PDB file of N, CA and C in Angstrom:
ATOM      1  N   UNK A   1     -12.673  15.097  15.764  1.00  0.00           N
ATOM      2  CA  UNK A   1     -12.027  14.153  16.704  1.00  0.00           C
ATOM      3  C   UNK A   1     -10.782  13.448  15.939  1.00  0.00           C
ATOM      4  N   UNK A   2     -11.012  13.050  14.627  1.00  0.00           N
ATOM      5  CA  UNK A   2      -9.862  12.406  13.907  1.00  0.00           C
ATOM      6  C   UNK A   2      -9.333  13.393  12.887  1.00  0.00           C
ATOM      7  N   UNK A   3      -9.480  14.628  12.975  1.00  0.00           N
ATOM      8  CA  UNK A   3      -8.990  15.503  11.941  1.00  0.00           C
ATOM      9  C   UNK A   3      -7.426  15.474  11.671  1.00  0.00           C
ATOM     10  N   UNK A   4      -6.769  15.441  12.913  1.00  0.00           N
ATOM     11  CA  UNK A   4      -5.239  15.269  12.693  1.00  0.00           C
ATOM     12  C   UNK A   4      -4.797  13.999  11.996  1.00  0.00           C
ATOM     13  N   UNK A   5      -5.427  12.899  12.416  1.00  0.00           N
ATOM     14  CA  UNK A   5      -5.209  11.603  11.757  1.00  0.00           C
ATOM     15  C   UNK A   5      -5.560  11.646  10.252  1.00  0.00           C
ATOM     16  N   UNK A   6      -6.636  12.186   9.923  1.00  0.00           N
ATOM     17  CA  UNK A   6      -7.061  12.278   8.560  1.00  0.00           C
ATOM     18  C   UNK A   6      -6.078  13.203   7.720  1.00  0.00           C
ATOM     19  N   UNK A   7      -5.606  14.182   8.332  1.00  0.00           N
ATOM     20  CA  UNK A   7      -4.661  15.116   7.656  1.00  0.00           C
ATOM     21  C   UNK A   7      -3.356  14.432   7.433  1.00  0.00           C
ATOM     22  N   UNK A   8      -2.914  13.654   8.480  1.00  0.00           N
ATOM     23  CA  UNK A   8      -1.645  12.868   8.282  1.00  0.00           C
ATOM     24  C   UNK A   8      -1.798  11.856   7.169  1.00  0.00           C
ATOM     25  N   UNK A   9      -2.910  11.124   7.158  1.00  0.00           N
ATOM     26  CA  UNK A   9      -3.202  10.120   6.145  1.00  0.00           C
ATOM     27  C   UNK A   9      -3.210  10.720   4.675  1.00  0.00           C
ATOM     28  N   UNK A  10      -3.854  11.770   4.518  1.00  0.00           N
ATOM     29  CA  UNK A  10      -3.869  12.549   3.289  1.00  0.00           C
ATOM     30  C   UNK A  10      -2.542  13.048   2.913  1.00  0.00           C
ATOM     31  N   UNK A  11      -1.713  13.489   3.847  1.00  0.00           N
ATOM     32  CA  UNK A  11      -0.359  14.013   3.467  1.00  0.00           C
ATOM     33  C   UNK A  11       0.501  12.824   3.147  1.00  0.00           C
ATOM     34  N   UNK A  12       0.416  11.716   3.659  1.00  0.00           N
ATOM     35  CA  UNK A  12       1.115  10.502   3.300  1.00  0.00           C
ATOM     36  C   UNK A  12       0.912  10.124   1.856  1.00  0.00           C
ATOM     37  N   UNK A  13      -0.375  10.113   1.561  1.00  0.00           N
ATOM     38  CA  UNK A  13      -0.748   9.867   0.055  1.00  0.00           C
ATOM     39  C   UNK A  13      -0.232  11.009  -0.807  1.00  0.00           C
ATOM     40  N   UNK A  14      -0.431  12.129  -0.424  1.00  0.00           N
ATOM     41  CA  UNK A  14      -0.115  13.298  -1.317  1.00  0.00           C
ATOM     42  C   UNK A  14       1.374  13.374  -1.580  1.00  0.00           C
ATOM     43  N   UNK A  15       2.145  12.969  -0.501  1.00  0.00           N
ATOM     44  CA  UNK A  15       3.714  13.046  -0.651  1.00  0.00           C
ATOM     45  C   UNK A  15       4.304  11.838  -1.418  1.00  0.00           C
ATOM     46  N   UNK A  16       3.458  10.909  -1.661  1.00  0.00           N
ATOM     47  CA  UNK A  16       3.844   9.615  -2.357  1.00  0.00           C
ATOM     48  C   UNK A  16       4.445   8.586  -1.501  1.00  0.00           C
ATOM     49  N   UNK A  17       4.368   8.817  -0.056  1.00  0.00           N
ATOM     50  CA  UNK A  17       5.035   7.714   0.751  1.00  0.00           C
ATOM     51  C   UNK A  17       4.106   6.488   0.688  1.00  0.00           C
ATOM     52  N   UNK A  18       2.896   6.607   0.429  1.00  0.00           N
ATOM     53  CA  UNK A  18       2.130   5.406   0.282  1.00  0.00           C
ATOM     54  C   UNK A  18       1.109   5.733  -0.835  1.00  0.00           C
ATOM     55  N   UNK A  19       0.592   4.680  -1.456  1.00  0.00           N
ATOM     56  CA  UNK A  19      -0.420   4.900  -2.555  1.00  0.00           C
ATOM     57  C   UNK A  19      -1.714   5.030  -2.077  1.00  0.00           C
ATOM     58  N   UNK A  20      -2.046   4.303  -1.018  1.00  0.00           N
ATOM     59  CA  UNK A  20      -3.341   4.423  -0.321  1.00  0.00           C
ATOM     60  C   UNK A  20      -3.301   3.624   0.951  1.00  0.00           C
ATOM     61  N   UNK A  21      -4.413   3.873   1.762  1.00  0.00           N
ATOM     62  CA  UNK A  21      -4.646   3.219   2.998  1.00  0.00           C
ATOM     63  C   UNK A  21      -5.994   3.161   3.445  1.00  0.00           C
ATOM     64  N   UNK A  22      -6.407   2.155   4.327  1.00  0.00           N
ATOM     65  CA  UNK A  22      -7.603   2.212   4.902  1.00  0.00           C
ATOM     66  C   UNK A  22      -7.492   2.121   6.364  1.00  0.00           C
ATOM     67  N   UNK A  23      -8.052   2.975   7.116  1.00  0.00           N
ATOM     68  CA  UNK A  23      -7.933   3.015   8.577  1.00  0.00           C
ATOM     69  C   UNK A  23      -9.227   2.773   9.251  1.00  0.00           C
ATOM     70  N   UNK A  24      -9.217   2.170  10.398  1.00  0.00           N
ATOM     71  CA  UNK A  24     -10.380   1.888  11.238  1.00  0.00           C
ATOM     72  C   UNK A  24     -10.185   1.842  12.649  1.00  0.00           C
ATOM     73  N   UNK A  25     -11.145   2.286  13.377  1.00  0.00           N
ATOM     74  CA  UNK A  25     -11.018   2.376  14.768  1.00  0.00           C
ATOM     75  C   UNK A  25     -12.261   1.550  15.387  1.00  0.00           C
ATOM     76  N   UNK A  26     -12.056   0.675  16.232  1.00  0.00           N
ATOM     77  CA  UNK A  26     -13.108  -0.168  16.854  1.00  0.00           C
ATOM     78  C   UNK A  26     -12.989  -0.166  18.365  1.00  0.00           C
ATOM     79  N   UNK A  27     -14.153  -0.363  18.928  1.00  0.00           N
ATOM     80  CA  UNK A  27     -14.251  -0.594  20.404  1.00  0.00           C
ATOM     81  C   UNK A  27     -15.086  -1.907  20.584  1.00  0.00           C
ATOM     82  N   UNK A  28     -15.367  -2.171  21.816  1.00  0.00           N
ATOM     83  CA  UNK A  28     -16.116  -3.420  22.113  1.00  0.00           C
ATOM     84  C   UNK A  28     -17.454  -3.369  21.401  1.00  0.00           C
ATOM     85  N   UNK A  29     -18.062  -2.341  20.940  1.00  0.00           N
ATOM     86  CA  UNK A  29     -19.321  -2.336  20.395  1.00  0.00           C
ATOM     87  C   UNK A  29     -19.291  -2.342  18.801  1.00  0.00           C
ATOM     88  N   UNK A  30     -18.071  -2.325  18.241  1.00  0.00           N
ATOM     89  CA  UNK A  30     -17.773  -2.485  16.863  1.00  0.00           C
ATOM     90  C   UNK A  30     -16.939  -1.322  16.226  1.00  0.00           C
ATOM     91  N   UNK A  31     -17.044  -1.175  15.021  1.00  0.00           N
ATOM     92  CA  UNK A  31     -16.373  -0.199  14.182  1.00  0.00           C
ATOM     93  C   UNK A  31     -17.009   1.179  14.485  1.00  0.00           C
ATOM     94  N   UNK A  32     -16.093   2.165  14.909  1.00  0.00           N
ATOM     95  CA  UNK A  32     -16.676   3.493  15.201  1.00  0.00           C
ATOM     96  C   UNK A  32     -16.260   4.469  14.143  1.00  0.00           C
ATOM     97  N   UNK A  33     -15.082   4.160  13.294  1.00  0.00           N
ATOM     98  CA  UNK A  33     -14.638   5.218  12.394  1.00  0.00           C
ATOM     99  C   UNK A  33     -13.992   4.433  11.413  1.00  0.00           C
ATOM    100  N   UNK A  34     -14.036   4.893  10.042  1.00  0.00           N
ATOM    101  CA  UNK A  34     -13.262   4.422   9.006  1.00  0.00           C
ATOM    102  C   UNK A  34     -12.955   5.550   8.093  1.00  0.00           C
ATOM    103  N   UNK A  35     -11.808   5.390   7.337  1.00  0.00           N
ATOM    104  CA  UNK A  35     -11.386   6.282   6.369  1.00  0.00           C
ATOM    105  C   UNK A  35     -10.486   5.730   5.374  1.00  0.00           C
ATOM    106  N   UNK A  36     -10.798   5.956   4.135  1.00  0.00           N
ATOM    107  CA  UNK A  36     -10.053   5.579   2.973  1.00  0.00           C
ATOM    108  C   UNK A  36      -9.240   6.742   2.339  1.00  0.00           C
ATOM    109  N   UNK A  37      -8.067   6.491   1.924  1.00  0.00           N
ATOM    110  CA  UNK A  37      -7.271   7.541   1.254  1.00  0.00           C
ATOM    111  C   UNK A  37      -6.542   6.937   0.118  1.00  0.00           C
ATOM    112  N   UNK A  38      -6.373   7.643  -0.977  1.00  0.00           N
ATOM    113  CA  UNK A  38      -5.525   7.271  -2.040  1.00  0.00           C
ATOM    114  C   UNK A  38      -6.221   6.192  -2.936  1.00  0.00           C
ATOM    115  N   UNK A  39      -5.344   5.451  -3.664  1.00  0.00           N
ATOM    116  CA  UNK A  39      -5.671   4.451  -4.536  1.00  0.00           C
ATOM    117  C   UNK A  39      -5.119   3.158  -4.186  1.00  0.00           C
ATOM    118  N   UNK A  40      -5.789   2.056  -4.812  1.00  0.00           N
ATOM    119  CA  UNK A  40      -5.387   0.675  -4.487  1.00  0.00           C
ATOM    120  C   UNK A  40      -4.033   0.322  -5.017  1.00  0.00           C
ATOM    121  N   UNK A  41      -3.628   0.851  -5.906  1.00  0.00           N
ATOM    122  CA  UNK A  41      -2.235   0.450  -6.635  1.00  0.00           C
ATOM    123  C   UNK A  41      -1.693   1.638  -7.189  1.00  0.00           C
ATOM    124  N   UNK A  42      -0.459   1.961  -6.835  1.00  0.00           N
ATOM    125  CA  UNK A  42       0.291   3.091  -7.481  1.00  0.00           C
ATOM    126  C   UNK A  42       0.251   3.174  -8.933  1.00  0.00           C
ATOM    127  N   UNK A  43      -0.272   4.335  -9.465  1.00  0.00           N
ATOM    128  CA  UNK A  43      -0.354   4.475 -10.852  1.00  0.00           C
ATOM    129  C   UNK A  43      -1.596   4.045 -11.486  1.00  0.00           C
ATOM    130  N   UNK A  44      -2.404   3.548 -10.731  1.00  0.00           N
ATOM    131  CA  UNK A  44      -3.817   3.069 -11.161  1.00  0.00           C
ATOM    132  C   UNK A  44      -4.901   3.936 -10.592  1.00  0.00           C
ATOM    133  N   UNK A  45      -5.997   4.106 -11.353  1.00  0.00           N
ATOM    134  CA  UNK A  45      -6.999   5.058 -10.833  1.00  0.00           C
ATOM    135  C   UNK A  45      -8.063   4.486  -9.918  1.00  0.00           C
ATOM    136  N   UNK A  46      -8.079   3.209  -9.616  1.00  0.00           N
ATOM    137  CA  UNK A  46      -9.056   2.699  -8.678  1.00  0.00           C
ATOM    138  C   UNK A  46      -8.900   3.217  -7.301  1.00  0.00           C
ATOM    139  N   UNK A  47      -9.776   3.788  -6.660  1.00  0.00           N
ATOM    140  CA  UNK A  47      -9.799   4.437  -5.365  1.00  0.00           C
ATOM    141  C   UNK A  47      -9.786   3.309  -4.264  1.00  0.00           C
ATOM    142  N   UNK A  48      -9.073   3.616  -3.218  1.00  0.00           N
ATOM    143  CA  UNK A  48      -9.133   2.811  -2.059  1.00  0.00           C
ATOM    144  C   UNK A  48     -10.511   2.646  -1.431  1.00  0.00           C
ATOM    145  N   UNK A  49     -11.038   1.524  -1.084  1.00  0.00           N
ATOM    146  CA  UNK A  49     -12.297   1.460  -0.416  1.00  0.00           C
ATOM    147  C   UNK A  49     -12.276   0.598   0.809  1.00  0.00           C
ATOM    148  N   UNK A  50     -13.232   0.639   1.672  1.00  0.00           N
ATOM    149  CA  UNK A  50     -13.210   0.012   2.899  1.00  0.00           C
ATOM    150  C   UNK A  50     -13.061  -1.600   2.693  1.00  0.00           C
ATOM    151  N   UNK A  51     -13.482  -2.052   1.602  1.00  0.00           N
ATOM    152  CA  UNK A  51     -13.396  -3.583   1.319  1.00  0.00           C
ATOM    153  C   UNK A  51     -12.042  -3.906   0.477  1.00  0.00           C
ATOM    154  N   UNK A  52     -11.117  -3.052   0.362  1.00  0.00           N
ATOM    155  CA  UNK A  52      -9.984  -3.403  -0.418  1.00  0.00           C
ATOM    156  C   UNK A  52      -9.240  -4.435   0.403  1.00  0.00           C
ATOM    157  N   UNK A  53      -8.665  -5.517  -0.277  1.00  0.00           N
ATOM    158  CA  UNK A  53      -7.989  -6.699   0.326  1.00  0.00           C
ATOM    159  C   UNK A  53      -6.391  -6.261   0.402  1.00  0.00           C
ATOM    160  N   UNK A  54      -5.767  -6.422   1.573  1.00  0.00           N
ATOM    161  CA  UNK A  54      -4.369  -6.138   1.635  1.00  0.00           C
ATOM    162  C   UNK A  54      -3.634  -7.412   1.989  1.00  0.00           C
ATOM    163  N   UNK A  55      -2.416  -7.439   1.600  1.00  0.00           N
ATOM    164  CA  UNK A  55      -1.453  -8.439   2.218  1.00  0.00           C
ATOM    165  C   UNK A  55      -0.793  -7.765   3.367  1.00  0.00           C
ATOM    166  N   UNK A  56      -0.903  -8.327   4.529  1.00  0.00           N
ATOM    167  CA  UNK A  56      -0.335  -7.776   5.741  1.00  0.00           C
ATOM    168  C   UNK A  56       0.774  -8.740   6.185  1.00  0.00           C
ATOM    169  N   UNK A  57       1.890  -8.083   6.407  1.00  0.00           N
ATOM    170  CA  UNK A  57       3.059  -8.793   6.814  1.00  0.00           C
ATOM    171  C   UNK A  57       3.586  -8.310   8.242  1.00  0.00           C
ATOM    172  N   UNK A  58       4.218  -9.129   8.920  1.00  0.00           N
ATOM    173  CA  UNK A  58       4.735  -8.659  10.175  1.00  0.00           C
ATOM    174  C   UNK A  58       3.821  -8.183  11.102  1.00  0.00           C
ATOM    175  N   UNK A  59       2.724  -8.928  11.446  1.00  0.00           N
ATOM    176  CA  UNK A  59       1.658  -8.580  12.262  1.00  0.00           C
ATOM    177  C   UNK A  59       1.749  -9.115  13.660  1.00  0.00           C
ATOM    178  N   UNK A  60       2.895  -9.829  13.934  1.00  0.00           N
ATOM    179  CA  UNK A  60       3.102 -10.482  15.224  1.00  0.00           C
ATOM    180  C   UNK A  60       3.076  -9.500  16.355  1.00  0.00           C
ATOM    181  N   UNK A  61       3.676  -8.299  16.251  1.00  0.00           N
ATOM    182  CA  UNK A  61       3.740  -7.289  17.374  1.00  0.00           C
ATOM    183  C   UNK A  61       2.356  -6.890  17.634  1.00  0.00           C
ATOM    184  N   UNK A  62       1.591  -6.499  16.553  1.00  0.00           N
ATOM    185  CA  UNK A  62       0.287  -6.045  16.821  1.00  0.00           C
ATOM    186  C   UNK A  62      -0.695  -7.038  17.448  1.00  0.00           C
ATOM    187  N   UNK A  63      -0.557  -8.374  17.018  1.00  0.00           N
ATOM    188  CA  UNK A  63      -1.407  -9.321  17.605  1.00  0.00           C
ATOM    189  C   UNK A  63      -1.041  -9.777  19.069  1.00  0.00           C
ATOM    190  N   UNK A  64       0.314  -9.815  19.384  1.00  0.00           N
ATOM    191  CA  UNK A  64       0.789 -10.065  20.709  1.00  0.00           C
ATOM    192  C   UNK A  64       0.452  -8.927  21.625  1.00  0.00           C
ATOM    193  N   UNK A  65       0.664  -7.692  21.144  1.00  0.00           N
ATOM    194  CA  UNK A  65       0.324  -6.596  21.967  1.00  0.00           C
ATOM    195  C   UNK A  65      -1.127  -6.602  22.552  1.00  0.00           C
ATOM    196  N   UNK A  66      -2.150  -6.885  21.634  1.00  0.00           N
ATOM    197  CA  UNK A  66      -3.523  -6.848  21.839  1.00  0.00           C
ATOM    198  C   UNK A  66      -3.602  -8.062  22.826  1.00  0.00           C
ATOM    199  N   UNK A  67      -3.218  -9.248  22.609  1.00  0.00           N
ATOM    200  CA  UNK A  67      -3.266 -10.353  23.450  1.00  0.00           C
ATOM    201  C   UNK A  67      -2.740 -10.094  24.932  1.00  0.00           C
ATOM    202  N   UNK A  68      -1.531  -9.268  24.895  1.00  0.00           N
ATOM    203  CA  UNK A  68      -1.034  -9.040  26.299  1.00  0.00           C
ATOM    204  C   UNK A  68      -1.957  -8.087  27.043  1.00  0.00           C
ATOM    205  N   UNK A  69      -2.421  -7.148  26.398  1.00  0.00           N
ATOM    206  CA  UNK A  69      -3.364  -6.112  27.059  1.00  0.00           C
ATOM    207  C   UNK A  69      -4.580  -6.744  27.491  1.00  0.00           C
ATOM    208  N   UNK A  70      -5.131  -7.735  26.675  1.00  0.00           N
ATOM    209  CA  UNK A  70      -6.251  -8.396  27.212  1.00  0.00           C
ATOM    210  C   UNK A  70      -5.956  -9.298  28.573  1.00  0.00           C
ATOM    211  N   UNK A  71      -4.783  -9.857  28.605  1.00  0.00           N
ATOM    212  CA  UNK A  71      -4.310 -10.531  29.855  1.00  0.00           C
ATOM    213  C   UNK A  71      -4.163  -9.468  31.003  1.00  0.00           C
ATOM    214  N   UNK A  72      -3.780  -8.318  30.718  1.00  0.00           N
ATOM    215  CA  UNK A  72      -3.608  -7.184  31.754  1.00  0.00           C
ATOM    216  C   UNK A  72      -5.017  -6.962  32.240  1.00  0.00           C
ATOM    217  N   UNK A  73      -6.005  -6.775  31.286  1.00  0.00           N
ATOM    218  CA  UNK A  73      -7.239  -6.446  31.615  1.00  0.00           C
ATOM    219  C   UNK A  73      -7.959  -7.470  32.554  1.00  0.00           C
ATOM    220  N   UNK A  74      -7.550  -8.797  32.233  1.00  0.00           N
ATOM    221  CA  UNK A  74      -8.108  -9.944  33.009  1.00  0.00           C
ATOM    222  C   UNK A  74      -7.422 -10.197  34.301  1.00  0.00           C
ATOM    223  N   UNK A  75      -6.407  -9.469  34.624  1.00  0.00           N
ATOM    224  CA  UNK A  75      -5.558  -9.550  35.741  1.00  0.00           C
ATOM    225  C   UNK A  75      -4.577 -10.770  35.897  1.00  0.00           C
ATOM    226  N   UNK A  76      -4.273 -11.296  34.700  1.00  0.00           N
ATOM    227  CA  UNK A  76      -3.400 -12.413  34.611  1.00  0.00           C
ATOM    228  C   UNK A  76      -1.844 -12.004  34.279  1.00  0.00           C
ATOM    229  N   UNK A  77      -1.768 -10.669  33.995  1.00  0.00           N
ATOM    230  CA  UNK A  77      -0.410 -10.214  33.611  1.00  0.00           C
ATOM    231  C   UNK A  77      -0.341  -8.787  34.085  1.00  0.00           C
ATOM    232  N   UNK A  78       0.838  -8.437  34.486  1.00  0.00           N
ATOM    233  CA  UNK A  78       1.105  -7.108  35.061  1.00  0.00           C
ATOM    234  C   UNK A  78       2.238  -6.481  34.147  1.00  0.00           C
ATOM    235  N   UNK A  79       1.913  -5.204  33.797  1.00  0.00           N
ATOM    236  CA  UNK A  79       2.922  -4.564  33.002  1.00  0.00           C
ATOM    237  C   UNK A  79       4.086  -4.106  33.874  1.00  0.00           C
ATOM    238  N   UNK A  80       4.040  -4.134  35.196  1.00  0.00           N
ATOM    239  CA  UNK A  80       5.095  -3.808  35.973  1.00  0.00           C
ATOM    240  C   UNK A  80       5.772  -5.048  36.631  1.00  0.00           C
ATOM    241  N   UNK A  81       5.317  -6.155  36.323  1.00  0.00           N
ATOM    242  CA  UNK A  81       5.761  -7.428  36.868  1.00  0.00           C
ATOM    243  C   UNK A  81       7.190  -7.946  36.307  1.00  0.00           C
ATOM    244  N   UNK A  82       7.674  -8.905  37.071  1.00  0.00           N
ATOM    245  CA  UNK A  82       8.883  -9.619  36.552  1.00  0.00           C
ATOM    246  C   UNK A  82       8.539 -10.487  35.386  1.00  0.00           C
ATOM    247  N   UNK A  83       9.364 -10.466  34.373  1.00  0.00           N
ATOM    248  CA  UNK A  83       9.086 -11.365  33.260  1.00  0.00           C
ATOM    249  C   UNK A  83       9.723 -12.728  33.347  1.00  0.00           C
ATOM    250  N   UNK A  84      10.574 -12.907  34.294  1.00  0.00           N
ATOM    251  CA  UNK A  84      11.344 -14.290  34.432  1.00  0.00           C
ATOM    252  C   UNK A  84      10.364 -15.388  34.426  1.00  0.00           C
ATOM    253  N   UNK A  85       9.172 -15.190  35.051  1.00  0.00           N
ATOM    254  CA  UNK A  85       8.190 -16.317  35.000  1.00  0.00           C
ATOM    255  C   UNK A  85       7.572 -16.692  33.793  1.00  0.00           C
ATOM    256  N   UNK A  86       7.633 -15.723  32.844  1.00  0.00           N
ATOM    257  CA  UNK A  86       7.099 -15.948  31.530  1.00  0.00           C
ATOM    258  C   UNK A  86       8.081 -16.496  30.420  1.00  0.00           C
ATOM    259  N   UNK A  87       9.338 -16.253  30.757  1.00  0.00           N
ATOM    260  CA  UNK A  87      10.325 -16.663  29.734  1.00  0.00           C
ATOM    261  C   UNK A  87      10.734 -18.130  29.890  1.00  0.00           C
TER     262      UNK A  87
END
């Protein structure tokens, strides 16, 4: 199911674009998939693990997107509606 994603993640590490990454997929029942690839720090041997701590920057879009989609699910926001009332 996630073979293409795993291949892309491994390719990004192998090409040197990223040193490592941790990916997770979750639904309302919890985490359904996790995958680690690469190392914690470029040039260091410590492998990436699920509990590796990251500094995340610029997460505004991700957080606002999830919040907006929750409002759509609740019927309080329409993706096709006029934005003038929100601005």
